[in-house]
Amino acid sequence: MAAIGNGQEMPLPLSAQRRRNLPAGAALSWLGAGWRDLWHRPAPSLLYGVAAFVVSAVIVWGLFRLGLDYILFPALAGFMVMGPLLAIGLYQKSRAIERGESISLSRMIFVRAASGGQVWFTGAILCLLMLLWMRAAVIIYALFFGFRPFPGFNDVAAMLFGTPVGWAMLLVGTVVGGLFAAFSFAISAFAIPMLLDERVDAFTAMGTSISMVFRNLPVMLAWGAIVLGLFLITVATGLLGLIIVFPLLGHATWHSYRAIK
């Protein structure tokens, strides 16, 4: 609380009320807490993971079927942008465990957020960010290769790693993609759990999330590395890993939010 001129106290901003400078090792404790929540009445969490896998597999199949395989990698990256919103039911389960409330798949699907429709407004912003990211990837490809058709995954490695233009595109794409990734991670790391649990508006939640990411930078860098590593495992397993990894990260994200509250 901060004093004001008439002797009353003015509430501190949300970001000033929260914990900061958490140790980098805290990220592992969030993962461990998420693992425990996953296996506490695991059926709803695993069904959530199966749904994530099925939807992702259908989207990937659709991209190949429609000849849009050239946006596969940006689409997979975009999934990480939308992941915090899609995992809201998992946050609901972790909150219910915390409060000793009943757990059911229906309560995880039909979530009633404390912020009301603000959580879906935030989801719309994340969706627009994902679409912008995908469009930027297509534009970068066109800038370096013109209207040359995407060669397919059998030849893409030779095109990217075997030519100077390919290396240049990889460099620019990595920088641009990294900026998108950093921004999307910062605005969503805590925002969706906060909107589920607290009566705040979307911009306050996203602003607080950005503030707390930068005020806990070592642990958030460690957490980002864990998320990226587990996501790469799911890609390496043909997305089957989503059945375990998606609910694990969802539950762990709830505990990351609780750690700063």
Protein backbone atom coordinates (compact mmCIF):
# COMPACT_ATOMS: atom_id res chain seq x y z
CA MET A 1 0.00 0.00 0.00
CA ALA A 2 1.21 3.53 -0.79
CA ALA A 3 0.29 6.67 1.17
CA ILE A 4 -1.55 9.56 -0.52
CA GLY A 5 -1.98 13.17 0.51
CA ASN A 6 -5.09 12.88 2.73
CA GLY A 7 -3.60 10.13 4.85
CA GLN A 8 -5.39 7.31 3.04
CA GLU A 9 -3.55 4.47 1.36
CA MET A 10 -3.71 3.76 -2.34
CA PRO A 11 -3.56 0.10 -3.49
CA LEU A 12 -0.35 -0.85 -5.25
CA PRO A 13 -0.53 -1.95 -8.91
CA LEU A 14 -1.10 -5.66 -9.45
CA SER A 15 2.48 -6.18 -10.63
CA ALA A 16 3.86 -4.54 -7.46
CA GLN A 17 1.89 -6.92 -5.23
CA ARG A 18 3.50 -10.04 -6.66
CA ARG A 19 6.67 -11.97 -6.00
CA ARG A 20 9.79 -11.27 -8.02
CA ASN A 21 13.36 -12.51 -8.34
CA LEU A 22 12.36 -16.15 -7.98
CA PRO A 23 15.30 -18.57 -8.37
CA ALA A 24 15.77 -20.32 -11.70
CA GLY A 25 15.33 -23.70 -10.00
CA ALA A 26 11.71 -22.84 -9.21
CA ALA A 27 10.83 -23.87 -12.77
CA LEU A 28 11.56 -27.49 -11.90
CA SER A 29 9.31 -27.29 -8.85
CA TRP A 30 6.46 -26.03 -11.08
CA LEU A 31 7.03 -28.99 -13.37
CA GLY A 32 6.99 -31.38 -10.43
CA ALA A 33 3.76 -29.87 -9.08
CA GLY A 34 2.25 -30.16 -12.56
CA TRP A 35 3.25 -33.82 -12.70
CA ARG A 36 1.49 -34.49 -9.39
CA ASP A 37 -1.67 -32.73 -10.58
CA LEU A 38 -1.59 -34.70 -13.83
CA TRP A 39 -1.72 -38.03 -11.96
CA HIS A 40 -4.27 -36.89 -9.39
CA ARG A 41 -7.40 -38.40 -10.96
CA PRO A 42 -5.55 -38.52 -14.31
CA ALA A 43 -8.41 -39.41 -16.67
CA PRO A 44 -9.66 -35.83 -17.31
CA SER A 45 -6.12 -34.54 -17.87
CA LEU A 46 -5.21 -37.38 -20.22
CA LEU A 47 -8.46 -36.92 -22.17
CA TYR A 48 -7.51 -33.27 -22.50
CA GLY A 49 -4.15 -34.36 -23.88
CA VAL A 50 -5.78 -36.83 -26.30
CA ALA A 51 -8.05 -34.03 -27.56
CA ALA A 52 -5.02 -31.77 -28.11
CA PHE A 53 -3.31 -34.55 -30.06
CA VAL A 54 -6.35 -35.36 -32.23
CA VAL A 55 -7.05 -31.72 -33.09
CA SER A 56 -3.37 -31.08 -33.88
CA ALA A 57 -3.13 -34.22 -36.03
CA VAL A 58 -6.26 -33.23 -37.99
CA ILE A 59 -4.86 -29.74 -38.59
CA VAL A 60 -1.52 -31.12 -39.80
CA TRP A 61 -3.32 -33.59 -42.07
CA GLY A 62 -5.48 -30.77 -43.42
CA LEU A 63 -2.44 -28.62 -44.20
CA PHE A 64 -0.89 -31.41 -46.27
CA ARG A 65 -4.21 -32.25 -47.90
CA LEU A 66 -4.74 -28.63 -48.98
CA GLY A 67 -1.16 -28.17 -50.14
CA LEU A 68 -0.40 -25.75 -47.30
CA ASP A 69 2.47 -27.74 -45.85
CA TYR A 70 4.74 -24.69 -46.26
CA ILE A 71 3.09 -23.11 -43.20
CA LEU A 72 3.45 -26.23 -41.05
CA PHE A 73 6.38 -24.96 -39.00
CA PRO A 74 4.83 -21.52 -38.35
CA ALA A 75 1.56 -23.29 -37.47
CA LEU A 76 3.36 -25.50 -34.93
CA ALA A 77 5.02 -22.42 -33.47
CA GLY A 78 1.65 -20.71 -33.42
CA PHE A 79 0.28 -23.58 -31.35
CA MET A 80 2.64 -22.51 -28.58
CA VAL A 81 1.06 -19.05 -28.70
CA MET A 82 -2.45 -20.46 -28.27
CA GLY A 83 -1.43 -23.16 -25.80
CA PRO A 84 -1.99 -21.07 -22.63
CA LEU A 85 -5.59 -20.39 -23.65
CA LEU A 86 -6.31 -23.98 -24.72
CA ALA A 87 -5.02 -25.22 -21.35
CA ILE A 88 -7.52 -23.21 -19.29
CA GLY A 89 -9.40 -26.37 -18.28
CA LEU A 90 -6.17 -27.78 -16.86
CA TYR A 91 -5.73 -24.66 -14.75
CA GLN A 92 -9.27 -25.24 -13.53
CA LYS A 93 -8.38 -28.77 -12.40
CA SER A 94 -5.24 -27.60 -10.58
CA ARG A 95 -7.23 -24.86 -8.85
CA ALA A 96 -9.88 -27.41 -7.83
CA ILE A 97 -7.19 -29.69 -6.37
CA GLU A 98 -5.81 -26.73 -4.44
CA ARG A 99 -9.22 -25.89 -3.02
CA GLY A 100 -10.26 -29.47 -2.36
CA GLU A 101 -13.14 -29.20 -4.83
CA SER A 102 -14.55 -31.94 -7.05
CA ILE A 103 -12.87 -32.60 -10.38
CA SER A 104 -14.70 -33.52 -13.56
CA LEU A 105 -14.11 -33.25 -17.28
CA SER A 106 -17.26 -31.15 -17.70
CA ARG A 107 -15.97 -28.55 -15.23
CA MET A 108 -12.68 -28.46 -17.13
CA ILE A 109 -14.46 -27.89 -20.45
CA PHE A 110 -17.13 -25.44 -19.30
CA VAL A 111 -14.86 -23.13 -17.33
CA ARG A 112 -16.28 -20.10 -15.56
CA ALA A 113 -13.49 -17.54 -15.34
CA ALA A 114 -13.55 -14.93 -12.60
CA SER A 115 -12.89 -12.27 -15.25
CA GLY A 116 -15.83 -13.37 -17.40
CA GLY A 117 -15.44 -12.70 -21.12
CA GLN A 118 -12.06 -10.99 -20.67
CA VAL A 119 -10.33 -14.37 -20.97
CA TRP A 120 -11.84 -14.91 -24.42
CA PHE A 121 -10.88 -11.38 -25.47
CA THR A 122 -7.31 -12.25 -24.53
CA GLY A 123 -7.68 -15.45 -26.55
CA ALA A 124 -8.73 -13.42 -29.59
CA ILE A 125 -5.62 -11.27 -29.23
CA LEU A 126 -3.43 -14.39 -29.04
CA CYS A 127 -5.17 -15.80 -32.11
CA LEU A 128 -4.48 -12.62 -34.07
CA LEU A 129 -0.86 -12.76 -32.94
CA MET A 130 -0.60 -16.36 -34.16
CA LEU A 131 -2.06 -15.43 -37.57
CA LEU A 132 0.33 -12.48 -37.82
CA TRP A 133 3.25 -14.79 -37.00
CA MET A 134 2.21 -17.22 -39.74
CA ARG A 135 1.78 -14.40 -42.26
CA ALA A 136 5.22 -13.02 -41.36
CA ALA A 137 6.75 -16.45 -42.03
CA VAL A 138 5.15 -16.60 -45.49
CA ILE A 139 6.36 -13.07 -46.29
CA ILE A 140 9.92 -13.89 -45.21
CA TYR A 141 9.91 -16.97 -47.47
CA ALA A 142 8.63 -14.87 -50.39
CA LEU A 143 11.25 -12.16 -49.80
CA PHE A 144 14.08 -14.67 -50.14
CA PHE A 145 12.70 -17.18 -52.64
CA GLY A 146 10.14 -15.13 -54.53
CA PHE A 147 7.25 -17.12 -55.97
CA ARG A 148 9.19 -20.37 -56.00
CA PRO A 149 6.87 -23.15 -54.77
CA PHE A 150 7.68 -24.79 -51.48
CA PRO A 151 9.81 -27.84 -52.43
CA GLY A 152 8.29 -30.21 -49.88
CA PHE A 153 9.89 -31.69 -46.79
CA ASN A 154 12.10 -34.09 -48.74
CA ASP A 155 14.03 -31.20 -50.31
CA VAL A 156 13.60 -28.36 -47.86
CA ALA A 157 16.75 -29.18 -45.88
CA ALA A 158 18.93 -28.91 -48.99
CA MET A 159 17.26 -25.64 -49.95
CA LEU A 160 17.73 -24.07 -46.51
CA PHE A 161 21.13 -25.42 -45.51
CA GLY A 162 22.71 -25.83 -48.94
CA THR A 163 22.38 -22.30 -50.30
CA PRO A 164 23.45 -18.83 -49.08
CA VAL A 165 19.89 -17.59 -49.58
CA GLY A 166 18.62 -20.40 -47.40
CA TRP A 167 21.03 -19.51 -44.60
CA ALA A 168 20.04 -15.86 -44.84
CA MET A 169 16.37 -16.76 -44.62
CA LEU A 170 17.03 -18.97 -41.60
CA LEU A 171 18.86 -16.12 -39.87
CA VAL A 172 16.14 -13.55 -40.52
CA GLY A 173 13.37 -16.04 -39.76
CA THR A 174 15.01 -17.00 -36.47
CA VAL A 175 15.32 -13.37 -35.37
CA VAL A 176 11.76 -12.47 -36.35
CA GLY A 177 10.36 -15.69 -34.91
CA GLY A 178 12.30 -15.13 -31.70
CA LEU A 179 10.77 -11.68 -31.30
CA PHE A 180 7.27 -13.08 -31.82
CA ALA A 181 7.99 -15.93 -29.41
CA ALA A 182 9.37 -13.62 -26.70
CA PHE A 183 6.42 -11.25 -26.94
CA SER A 184 3.76 -13.96 -27.00
CA PHE A 185 5.42 -15.77 -24.10
CA ALA A 186 5.61 -12.58 -22.05
CA ILE A 187 1.96 -11.57 -22.51
CA SER A 188 0.51 -15.05 -21.95
CA ALA A 189 2.77 -16.68 -19.35
CA PHE A 190 0.58 -15.56 -16.43
CA ALA A 191 -2.33 -13.78 -18.10
CA ILE A 192 -4.74 -16.68 -18.71
CA PRO A 193 -4.42 -18.26 -15.22
CA MET A 194 -4.81 -14.77 -13.76
CA LEU A 195 -7.99 -14.14 -15.74
CA LEU A 196 -9.36 -17.49 -14.57
CA ASP A 197 -8.64 -16.74 -10.92
CA GLU A 198 -9.00 -12.97 -10.56
CA ARG A 199 -11.43 -10.23 -11.59
CA VAL A 200 -9.12 -8.25 -13.88
CA ASP A 201 -9.39 -7.02 -17.44
CA ALA A 202 -7.42 -8.48 -20.34
CA PHE A 203 -4.95 -5.63 -20.72
CA THR A 204 -4.20 -5.53 -16.99
CA ALA A 205 -3.55 -9.29 -17.01
CA MET A 206 -1.29 -9.11 -20.06
CA GLY A 207 0.57 -6.07 -18.72
CA THR A 208 1.06 -7.77 -15.36
CA SER A 209 2.28 -10.90 -17.12
CA ILE A 210 4.90 -8.93 -19.06
CA SER A 211 6.00 -7.17 -15.88
CA MET A 212 6.34 -10.38 -13.89
CA VAL A 213 8.20 -12.19 -16.67
CA PHE A 214 10.87 -9.49 -16.71
CA ARG A 215 10.96 -9.24 -12.91
CA ASN A 216 11.58 -12.99 -12.72
CA LEU A 217 13.73 -13.28 -15.83
CA PRO A 218 16.10 -16.13 -14.79
CA VAL A 219 13.30 -18.51 -13.80
CA MET A 220 11.18 -17.52 -16.81
CA LEU A 221 14.07 -18.20 -19.18
CA ALA A 222 14.47 -21.60 -17.53
CA TRP A 223 10.72 -22.19 -17.81
CA GLY A 224 10.72 -21.15 -21.47
CA ALA A 225 13.57 -23.58 -22.16
CA ILE A 226 11.61 -26.40 -20.47
CA VAL A 227 8.48 -25.60 -22.49
CA LEU A 228 10.45 -25.48 -25.74
CA GLY A 229 12.28 -28.73 -24.96
CA LEU A 230 9.06 -30.59 -24.18
CA PHE A 231 7.42 -29.15 -27.27
CA LEU A 232 10.29 -30.43 -29.44
CA ILE A 233 9.80 -33.86 -27.88
CA THR A 234 6.16 -33.83 -28.94
CA VAL A 235 7.18 -32.93 -32.50
CA ALA A 236 9.79 -35.72 -32.50
CA THR A 237 7.09 -38.21 -31.45
CA GLY A 238 4.75 -37.21 -34.27
CA LEU A 239 2.70 -35.13 -31.77
CA LEU A 240 1.81 -38.22 -29.71
CA GLY A 241 3.76 -36.69 -26.86
CA LEU A 242 1.01 -34.07 -26.56
CA ILE A 243 -1.10 -36.61 -24.68
CA ILE A 244 1.25 -36.28 -21.69
CA VAL A 245 3.14 -33.05 -22.34
CA PHE A 246 0.15 -30.78 -22.91
CA PRO A 247 -1.61 -31.52 -19.60
CA LEU A 248 1.72 -31.57 -17.77
CA LEU A 249 2.59 -28.07 -18.97
CA GLY A 250 -0.95 -26.86 -18.35
CA HIS A 251 -0.90 -27.93 -14.71
CA ALA A 252 2.64 -26.63 -14.25
CA THR A 253 1.65 -23.24 -15.69
CA TRP A 254 -0.99 -22.91 -12.99
CA HIS A 255 1.70 -23.44 -10.36
CA SER A 256 3.94 -20.84 -12.02
CA TYR A 257 1.10 -18.34 -11.63
CA ARG A 258 0.55 -19.34 -8.00
CA ALA A 259 4.27 -18.86 -7.33
CA ILE A 260 4.10 -15.15 -8.13
CA LYS A 261 0.73 -14.45 -6.50
